[in-house]
Amino acid sequence: MSTDLKWTKSSYSSDDSGNCVEVATCPHTIHVRDSKDITVPALTVSPDAWDTFIRHAAA
């Protein structure tokens, strides 16, 4: 995996508790990790799977 990923903190993550989710997008994959464990992504999914997750999470 490239170390050049640009990670973005979720807007749903809190600033004070340390419970943060970060996401990095690539053309063919979406990487999701816990900000406390930045050594490797915890989850890698396809853009279609991520889109489905986001649409259902927002509902």
Protein backbone atom coordinates (compact mmCIF):
# COMPACT_ATOMS: atom_id res chain seq x y z
CA MET A 1 0.00 0.00 0.00
CA SER A 2 1.21 3.45 -0.79
CA THR A 3 2.28 5.74 2.02
CA ASP A 4 1.07 8.66 -0.09
CA LEU A 5 -2.55 8.26 0.97
CA LYS A 6 -4.30 11.46 2.06
CA TRP A 7 -6.28 10.60 5.18
CA THR A 8 -9.36 12.61 6.17
CA LYS A 9 -10.95 12.46 9.61
CA SER A 10 -14.65 11.64 9.66
CA SER A 11 -16.94 14.53 10.49
CA TYR A 12 -18.70 12.15 12.92
CA SER A 13 -15.50 11.58 14.94
CA SER A 14 -15.25 13.43 18.22
CA ASP A 15 -12.37 15.75 19.05
CA ASP A 16 -12.14 14.95 22.74
CA SER A 17 -12.55 11.19 23.13
CA GLY A 18 -9.91 9.98 20.71
CA ASN A 19 -12.46 7.84 18.86
CA CYS A 20 -11.62 8.87 15.31
CA VAL A 21 -12.19 7.21 11.98
CA GLU A 22 -10.09 8.27 9.01
CA VAL A 23 -10.73 7.60 5.31
CA ALA A 24 -8.44 7.75 2.28
CA THR A 25 -9.84 7.42 -1.21
CA CYS A 26 -8.12 6.05 -4.30
CA PRO A 27 -9.60 5.44 -7.74
CA HIS A 28 -10.30 1.75 -7.07
CA THR A 29 -10.30 1.44 -3.27
CA ILE A 30 -11.46 3.21 -0.13
CA HIS A 31 -9.27 2.76 2.94
CA VAL A 32 -10.72 3.12 6.45
CA ARG A 33 -8.73 3.11 9.68
CA ASP A 34 -8.84 3.93 13.36
CA SER A 35 -6.72 7.03 13.90
CA LYS A 36 -5.09 5.39 16.92
CA ASP A 37 -3.67 2.60 14.69
CA ILE A 38 -2.21 4.35 11.67
CA THR A 39 0.24 1.63 10.66
CA VAL A 40 -2.17 -0.09 8.25
CA PRO A 41 -5.77 0.42 7.12
CA ALA A 42 -8.17 -1.72 9.06
CA LEU A 43 -10.53 -2.03 6.11
CA THR A 44 -10.29 -1.64 2.34
CA VAL A 45 -13.47 -1.63 0.25
CA SER A 46 -14.55 -0.88 -3.30
CA PRO A 47 -16.01 2.52 -4.15
CA ASP A 48 -19.39 0.83 -4.81
CA ALA A 49 -19.38 -0.82 -1.38
CA TRP A 50 -18.40 2.48 0.27
CA ASP A 51 -21.19 4.32 -1.56
CA THR A 52 -23.73 1.73 -0.38
CA PHE A 53 -22.45 2.01 3.20
CA ILE A 54 -22.62 5.82 3.18
CA ARG A 55 -26.14 5.88 1.71
CA HIS A 56 -27.43 3.42 4.35
CA ALA A 57 -25.55 5.07 7.23
CA ALA A 58 -27.09 8.44 6.37
CA ALA A 59 -30.63 7.05 6.27
